[in-house]
Amino acid sequence: MPSIDRPLNSELLHFRFEDELARLKDPESATDRRTGRTLVKGDRLRVVLVTLGAGGRIAEHESAGRITIQPISGTIRFEAGDEVRNVATGELLSVDGGVRHAVESSGGAAFLLTIARP
């Protein structure tokens, strides 16, 4: 497991998305066309910066707690049961815990995933 080069849980944390994206591996070269970098990891809150390369997909899964997804570049396609939402930069999607969902991006995207643990 790689060592963490910065605190994940502190009284005050500050991030520049441009810098954090530069630290991520190119999602096009990743075997599953996605990369992620945990920015915040507390007892009940986790914030992860996720990139999907063109055609990248996160298979159906669920989170125990509520999540939010906020694209910072590109557009993602979010599937939950029969519902499909295209979520673009400047938008926010919130989903209850326990809802099975999948995420993909045809053109590539970066988004902030926030997980509130129950």
N, C-alpha and C. Protein backbone atom coordinates (compact mmCIF):
# COMPACT_ATOMS: atom_id res chain seq x y z
N MET A 1 0.84 -1.17 0.00
CA MET A 1 0.00 0.00 0.00
C MET A 1 0.89 1.24 0.00
N PRO A 2 0.61 2.21 -0.89
CA PRO A 2 1.47 3.40 -0.95
C PRO A 2 1.29 4.26 0.29
N SER A 3 2.37 4.95 0.66
CA SER A 3 2.28 5.84 1.81
C SER A 3 1.56 7.13 1.40
N ILE A 4 0.90 7.74 2.35
CA ILE A 4 0.18 8.99 2.11
C ILE A 4 1.14 10.14 2.38
N ASP A 5 1.23 11.07 1.45
CA ASP A 5 2.19 12.17 1.53
C ASP A 5 1.63 13.43 2.17
N ARG A 6 0.42 13.34 2.76
CA ARG A 6 -0.19 14.51 3.36
C ARG A 6 -1.25 14.05 4.35
N PRO A 7 -1.69 14.95 5.24
CA PRO A 7 -2.75 14.55 6.17
C PRO A 7 -4.08 14.37 5.44
N LEU A 8 -4.87 13.42 5.89
CA LEU A 8 -6.20 13.19 5.33
C LEU A 8 -7.29 13.66 6.28
N ASN A 9 -6.92 13.89 7.53
CA ASN A 9 -7.89 14.30 8.53
C ASN A 9 -7.22 15.32 9.44
N SER A 10 -7.61 16.55 9.33
CA SER A 10 -7.01 17.62 10.10
C SER A 10 -8.07 18.68 10.35
N GLU A 11 -7.78 19.57 11.26
CA GLU A 11 -8.74 20.63 11.58
C GLU A 11 -9.04 21.50 10.36
N LEU A 12 -8.05 21.70 9.50
CA LEU A 12 -8.23 22.51 8.31
C LEU A 12 -7.42 21.91 7.16
N LEU A 13 -8.10 21.58 6.07
CA LEU A 13 -7.45 21.07 4.87
C LEU A 13 -7.85 21.96 3.70
N HIS A 14 -6.93 22.19 2.77
CA HIS A 14 -7.17 23.05 1.62
C HIS A 14 -6.60 22.39 0.38
N PHE A 15 -7.37 22.40 -0.72
CA PHE A 15 -6.94 21.73 -1.94
C PHE A 15 -7.18 22.61 -3.15
N ARG A 16 -6.30 22.51 -4.13
CA ARG A 16 -6.51 23.09 -5.46
C ARG A 16 -6.71 21.91 -6.40
N PHE A 17 -7.88 21.85 -7.03
CA PHE A 17 -8.17 20.70 -7.90
C PHE A 17 -7.15 20.55 -9.01
N GLU A 18 -6.67 21.65 -9.56
CA GLU A 18 -5.67 21.58 -10.62
C GLU A 18 -4.43 20.82 -10.15
N ASP A 19 -3.97 21.12 -8.93
CA ASP A 19 -2.80 20.43 -8.37
C ASP A 19 -3.10 18.96 -8.11
N GLU A 20 -4.25 18.69 -7.54
CA GLU A 20 -4.61 17.30 -7.21
C GLU A 20 -4.77 16.46 -8.47
N LEU A 21 -5.36 17.03 -9.51
CA LEU A 21 -5.51 16.30 -10.77
C LEU A 21 -4.15 15.99 -11.38
N ALA A 22 -3.21 16.90 -11.24
CA ALA A 22 -1.86 16.68 -11.79
C ALA A 22 -1.16 15.52 -11.09
N ARG A 23 -1.53 15.23 -9.86
CA ARG A 23 -0.91 14.13 -9.10
C ARG A 23 -1.48 12.76 -9.45
N LEU A 24 -2.62 12.74 -10.11
CA LEU A 24 -3.25 11.47 -10.45
C LEU A 24 -2.63 10.87 -11.70
N LYS A 25 -2.63 9.54 -11.74
CA LYS A 25 -2.18 8.82 -12.92
C LYS A 25 -3.16 9.07 -14.05
N ASP A 26 -2.69 9.09 -15.28
CA ASP A 26 -3.54 9.27 -16.45
C ASP A 26 -4.59 8.16 -16.50
N PRO A 27 -5.89 8.51 -16.46
CA PRO A 27 -6.90 7.45 -16.45
C PRO A 27 -6.92 6.62 -17.73
N GLU A 28 -6.44 7.18 -18.83
CA GLU A 28 -6.40 6.42 -20.08
C GLU A 28 -5.40 5.26 -20.01
N SER A 29 -4.38 5.41 -19.17
CA SER A 29 -3.38 4.34 -19.05
C SER A 29 -3.71 3.36 -17.92
N ALA A 30 -4.68 3.70 -17.09
CA ALA A 30 -5.09 2.79 -16.00
C ALA A 30 -5.87 1.63 -16.62
N THR A 31 -5.72 0.46 -16.03
CA THR A 31 -6.37 -0.72 -16.62
C THR A 31 -7.89 -0.61 -16.63
N ASP A 32 -8.48 0.07 -15.66
CA ASP A 32 -9.94 0.21 -15.66
C ASP A 32 -10.37 1.63 -16.05
N ARG A 33 -9.44 2.42 -16.59
CA ARG A 33 -9.71 3.79 -17.06
C ARG A 33 -10.27 4.69 -15.98
N ARG A 34 -9.81 4.48 -14.75
CA ARG A 34 -10.19 5.39 -13.68
C ARG A 34 -9.06 5.48 -12.68
N THR A 35 -8.99 6.63 -12.03
CA THR A 35 -8.04 6.84 -10.95
C THR A 35 -8.75 7.60 -9.84
N GLY A 36 -8.20 7.55 -8.66
CA GLY A 36 -8.80 8.26 -7.55
C GLY A 36 -7.74 8.69 -6.54
N ARG A 37 -8.02 9.76 -5.85
CA ARG A 37 -7.12 10.28 -4.82
C ARG A 37 -7.99 10.73 -3.65
N THR A 38 -7.82 10.08 -2.50
CA THR A 38 -8.56 10.48 -1.31
C THR A 38 -8.00 11.80 -0.81
N LEU A 39 -8.89 12.77 -0.63
CA LEU A 39 -8.50 14.08 -0.14
C LEU A 39 -8.78 14.20 1.36
N VAL A 40 -9.92 13.68 1.79
CA VAL A 40 -10.33 13.76 3.19
C VAL A 40 -10.81 12.39 3.63
N LYS A 41 -10.35 11.95 4.81
CA LYS A 41 -10.78 10.65 5.33
C LYS A 41 -10.96 10.79 6.84
N GLY A 42 -12.20 11.00 7.24
CA GLY A 42 -12.52 11.10 8.65
C GLY A 42 -13.37 9.92 9.08
N ASP A 43 -13.82 9.95 10.32
CA ASP A 43 -14.63 8.85 10.83
C ASP A 43 -15.92 8.66 10.04
N ARG A 44 -16.57 9.76 9.68
CA ARG A 44 -17.87 9.66 9.02
C ARG A 44 -17.93 10.37 7.68
N LEU A 45 -16.79 10.87 7.21
CA LEU A 45 -16.78 11.61 5.95
C LEU A 45 -15.56 11.24 5.13
N ARG A 46 -15.78 11.00 3.86
CA ARG A 46 -14.67 10.75 2.94
C ARG A 46 -14.91 11.57 1.68
N VAL A 47 -13.85 12.20 1.17
CA VAL A 47 -13.92 12.97 -0.07
C VAL A 47 -12.83 12.44 -0.99
N VAL A 48 -13.23 12.03 -2.19
CA VAL A 48 -12.31 11.42 -3.14
C VAL A 48 -12.42 12.15 -4.48
N LEU A 49 -11.28 12.48 -5.06
CA LEU A 49 -11.23 13.04 -6.40
C LEU A 49 -11.06 11.86 -7.36
N VAL A 50 -12.00 11.70 -8.27
CA VAL A 50 -12.01 10.55 -9.19
C VAL A 50 -11.91 11.06 -10.63
N THR A 51 -11.09 10.39 -11.43
CA THR A 51 -11.06 10.68 -12.86
C THR A 51 -11.46 9.42 -13.63
N LEU A 52 -12.21 9.64 -14.68
CA LEU A 52 -12.57 8.57 -15.61
C LEU A 52 -12.05 8.97 -16.98
N GLY A 53 -11.31 8.08 -17.61
CA GLY A 53 -10.88 8.32 -18.97
C GLY A 53 -12.05 8.14 -19.92
N ALA A 54 -11.86 8.51 -21.18
CA ALA A 54 -12.92 8.33 -22.17
C ALA A 54 -13.34 6.87 -22.21
N GLY A 55 -14.63 6.64 -22.03
CA GLY A 55 -15.16 5.28 -22.00
C GLY A 55 -15.00 4.60 -20.65
N GLY A 56 -14.49 5.32 -19.66
CA GLY A 56 -14.30 4.74 -18.33
C GLY A 56 -15.62 4.48 -17.63
N ARG A 57 -15.63 3.45 -16.80
CA ARG A 57 -16.87 3.05 -16.12
C ARG A 57 -16.55 2.51 -14.73
N ILE A 58 -17.41 2.82 -13.79
CA ILE A 58 -17.38 2.22 -12.46
C ILE A 58 -18.60 1.33 -12.40
N ALA A 59 -18.38 0.03 -12.25
CA ALA A 59 -19.47 -0.95 -12.28
C ALA A 59 -20.46 -0.71 -11.15
N GLU A 60 -21.63 -1.28 -11.32
CA GLU A 60 -22.70 -1.11 -10.32
C GLU A 60 -22.23 -1.52 -8.92
N HIS A 61 -22.55 -0.67 -7.97
CA HIS A 61 -22.18 -0.89 -6.58
C HIS A 61 -23.09 -0.02 -5.71
N GLU A 62 -22.89 -0.06 -4.41
CA GLU A 62 -23.65 0.81 -3.51
C GLU A 62 -22.77 1.26 -2.36
N SER A 63 -23.18 2.35 -1.75
CA SER A 63 -22.49 2.89 -0.59
C SER A 63 -23.45 2.80 0.60
N ALA A 64 -22.93 2.50 1.76
CA ALA A 64 -23.78 2.42 2.94
C ALA A 64 -24.36 3.78 3.30
N GLY A 65 -23.60 4.85 3.06
CA GLY A 65 -24.05 6.20 3.41
C GLY A 65 -24.39 7.02 2.18
N ARG A 66 -25.01 8.17 2.42
CA ARG A 66 -25.35 9.09 1.33
C ARG A 66 -24.07 9.55 0.63
N ILE A 67 -24.17 9.74 -0.68
CA ILE A 67 -23.05 10.25 -1.47
C ILE A 67 -23.50 11.49 -2.24
N THR A 68 -22.51 12.31 -2.59
CA THR A 68 -22.74 13.37 -3.57
C THR A 68 -21.67 13.23 -4.64
N ILE A 69 -22.04 13.61 -5.85
CA ILE A 69 -21.12 13.62 -6.98
C ILE A 69 -21.18 14.99 -7.62
N GLN A 70 -20.01 15.60 -7.76
CA GLN A 70 -19.92 16.94 -8.33
C GLN A 70 -18.81 16.97 -9.38
N PRO A 71 -19.17 16.94 -10.67
CA PRO A 71 -18.14 16.98 -11.71
C PRO A 71 -17.37 18.32 -11.68
N ILE A 72 -16.05 18.21 -11.84
CA ILE A 72 -15.24 19.42 -11.95
C ILE A 72 -14.70 19.59 -13.37
N SER A 73 -14.85 18.54 -14.18
CA SER A 73 -14.61 18.64 -15.62
C SER A 73 -15.35 17.50 -16.30
N GLY A 74 -15.84 17.78 -17.50
CA GLY A 74 -16.54 16.75 -18.25
C GLY A 74 -17.94 16.47 -17.74
N THR A 75 -18.50 15.41 -18.26
CA THR A 75 -19.86 14.98 -17.91
C THR A 75 -19.84 13.49 -17.59
N ILE A 76 -20.59 13.11 -16.56
CA ILE A 76 -20.71 11.69 -16.24
C ILE A 76 -22.15 11.25 -16.46
N ARG A 77 -22.29 9.98 -16.71
CA ARG A 77 -23.61 9.36 -16.84
C ARG A 77 -23.81 8.51 -15.61
N PHE A 78 -24.83 8.81 -14.85
CA PHE A 78 -25.10 8.14 -13.58
C PHE A 78 -26.36 7.29 -13.75
N GLU A 79 -26.25 5.99 -13.48
CA GLU A 79 -27.38 5.06 -13.60
C GLU A 79 -27.72 4.52 -12.23
N ALA A 80 -29.00 4.63 -11.87
CA ALA A 80 -29.49 4.05 -10.61
C ALA A 80 -30.84 3.41 -10.93
N GLY A 81 -30.85 2.08 -11.02
CA GLY A 81 -32.08 1.40 -11.41
C GLY A 81 -32.51 1.82 -12.80
N ASP A 82 -33.75 2.29 -12.93
CA ASP A 82 -34.28 2.73 -14.22
C ASP A 82 -33.95 4.19 -14.51
N GLU A 83 -33.37 4.89 -13.56
CA GLU A 83 -33.06 6.31 -13.75
C GLU A 83 -31.65 6.51 -14.29
N VAL A 84 -31.54 7.41 -15.24
CA VAL A 84 -30.24 7.79 -15.81
C VAL A 84 -30.16 9.31 -15.77
N ARG A 85 -29.08 9.82 -15.23
CA ARG A 85 -28.86 11.27 -15.17
C ARG A 85 -27.50 11.58 -15.77
N ASN A 86 -27.46 12.59 -16.63
CA ASN A 86 -26.19 13.14 -17.11
C ASN A 86 -25.87 14.31 -16.20
N VAL A 87 -24.71 14.27 -15.56
CA VAL A 87 -24.33 15.27 -14.58
C VAL A 87 -23.07 15.96 -15.10
N ALA A 88 -23.16 17.28 -15.27
CA ALA A 88 -22.07 18.05 -15.88
C ALA A 88 -21.42 18.97 -14.86
N THR A 89 -20.29 19.55 -15.25
CA THR A 89 -19.60 20.53 -14.43
C THR A 89 -20.59 21.60 -13.99
N GLY A 90 -20.52 21.96 -12.72
CA GLY A 90 -21.43 22.96 -12.18
C GLY A 90 -22.71 22.38 -11.61
N GLU A 91 -22.85 21.05 -11.64
CA GLU A 91 -24.04 20.39 -11.10
C GLU A 91 -23.63 19.48 -9.93
N LEU A 92 -24.61 19.12 -9.13
CA LEU A 92 -24.40 18.26 -7.97
C LEU A 92 -25.50 17.21 -7.94
N LEU A 93 -25.13 15.97 -7.72
CA LEU A 93 -26.08 14.87 -7.60
C LEU A 93 -25.94 14.28 -6.20
N SER A 94 -27.05 14.04 -5.54
CA SER A 94 -27.05 13.44 -4.21
C SER A 94 -27.84 12.14 -4.25
N VAL A 95 -27.32 11.09 -3.61
CA VAL A 95 -27.93 9.77 -3.66
C VAL A 95 -27.94 9.17 -2.27
N ASP A 96 -29.08 8.61 -1.87
CA ASP A 96 -29.18 7.95 -0.57
C ASP A 96 -28.26 6.74 -0.49
N GLY A 97 -27.87 6.39 0.70
CA GLY A 97 -27.12 5.17 0.93
C GLY A 97 -27.96 3.97 0.54
N GLY A 98 -27.31 2.90 0.12
CA GLY A 98 -28.00 1.67 -0.24
C GLY A 98 -28.56 1.63 -1.64
N VAL A 99 -28.43 2.71 -2.41
CA VAL A 99 -28.94 2.74 -3.78
C VAL A 99 -27.85 2.21 -4.71
N ARG A 100 -28.15 1.14 -5.43
CA ARG A 100 -27.19 0.58 -6.37
C ARG A 100 -27.07 1.52 -7.57
N HIS A 101 -25.83 1.75 -8.01
CA HIS A 101 -25.61 2.70 -9.09
C HIS A 101 -24.32 2.38 -9.83
N ALA A 102 -24.20 2.92 -11.04
CA ALA A 102 -23.00 2.80 -11.85
C ALA A 102 -22.72 4.18 -12.44
N VAL A 103 -21.45 4.42 -12.78
CA VAL A 103 -21.02 5.71 -13.31
C VAL A 103 -20.15 5.46 -14.53
N GLU A 104 -20.32 6.29 -15.57
CA GLU A 104 -19.46 6.19 -16.74
C GLU A 104 -19.31 7.56 -17.38
N SER A 105 -18.30 7.67 -18.24
CA SER A 105 -18.09 8.91 -18.99
C SER A 105 -17.59 8.56 -20.38
N SER A 106 -18.33 8.98 -21.38
CA SER A 106 -17.90 8.67 -22.75
C SER A 106 -16.71 9.52 -23.17
N GLY A 107 -16.64 10.76 -22.69
CA GLY A 107 -15.56 11.65 -23.12
C GLY A 107 -14.50 11.90 -22.07
N GLY A 108 -14.63 11.31 -20.90
CA GLY A 108 -13.70 11.53 -19.80
C GLY A 108 -14.21 12.62 -18.88
N ALA A 109 -13.93 12.47 -17.59
CA ALA A 109 -14.42 13.43 -16.59
C ALA A 109 -13.61 13.30 -15.31
N ALA A 110 -13.70 14.34 -14.51
CA ALA A 110 -13.16 14.32 -13.15
C ALA A 110 -14.30 14.79 -12.24
N PHE A 111 -14.46 14.10 -11.10
CA PHE A 111 -15.53 14.51 -10.20
C PHE A 111 -15.12 14.30 -8.75
N LEU A 112 -15.77 15.06 -7.92
CA LEU A 112 -15.57 14.97 -6.48
C LEU A 112 -16.66 14.08 -5.92
N LEU A 113 -16.26 13.01 -5.26
CA LEU A 113 -17.17 12.06 -4.62
C LEU A 113 -17.09 12.28 -3.11
N THR A 114 -18.23 12.59 -2.51
CA THR A 114 -18.29 12.76 -1.06
C THR A 114 -19.15 11.64 -0.50
N ILE A 115 -18.63 10.96 0.51
CA ILE A 115 -19.35 9.85 1.12
C ILE A 115 -19.56 10.17 2.59
N ALA A 116 -20.82 10.21 3.02
CA ALA A 116 -21.15 10.41 4.43
C ALA A 116 -21.48 9.05 5.00
N ARG A 117 -20.68 8.58 5.91
CA ARG A 117 -20.88 7.25 6.47
C ARG A 117 -21.94 7.30 7.57
N PRO A 118 -22.79 6.27 7.60
CA PRO A 118 -23.86 6.26 8.63
C PRO A 118 -23.28 6.09 10.03
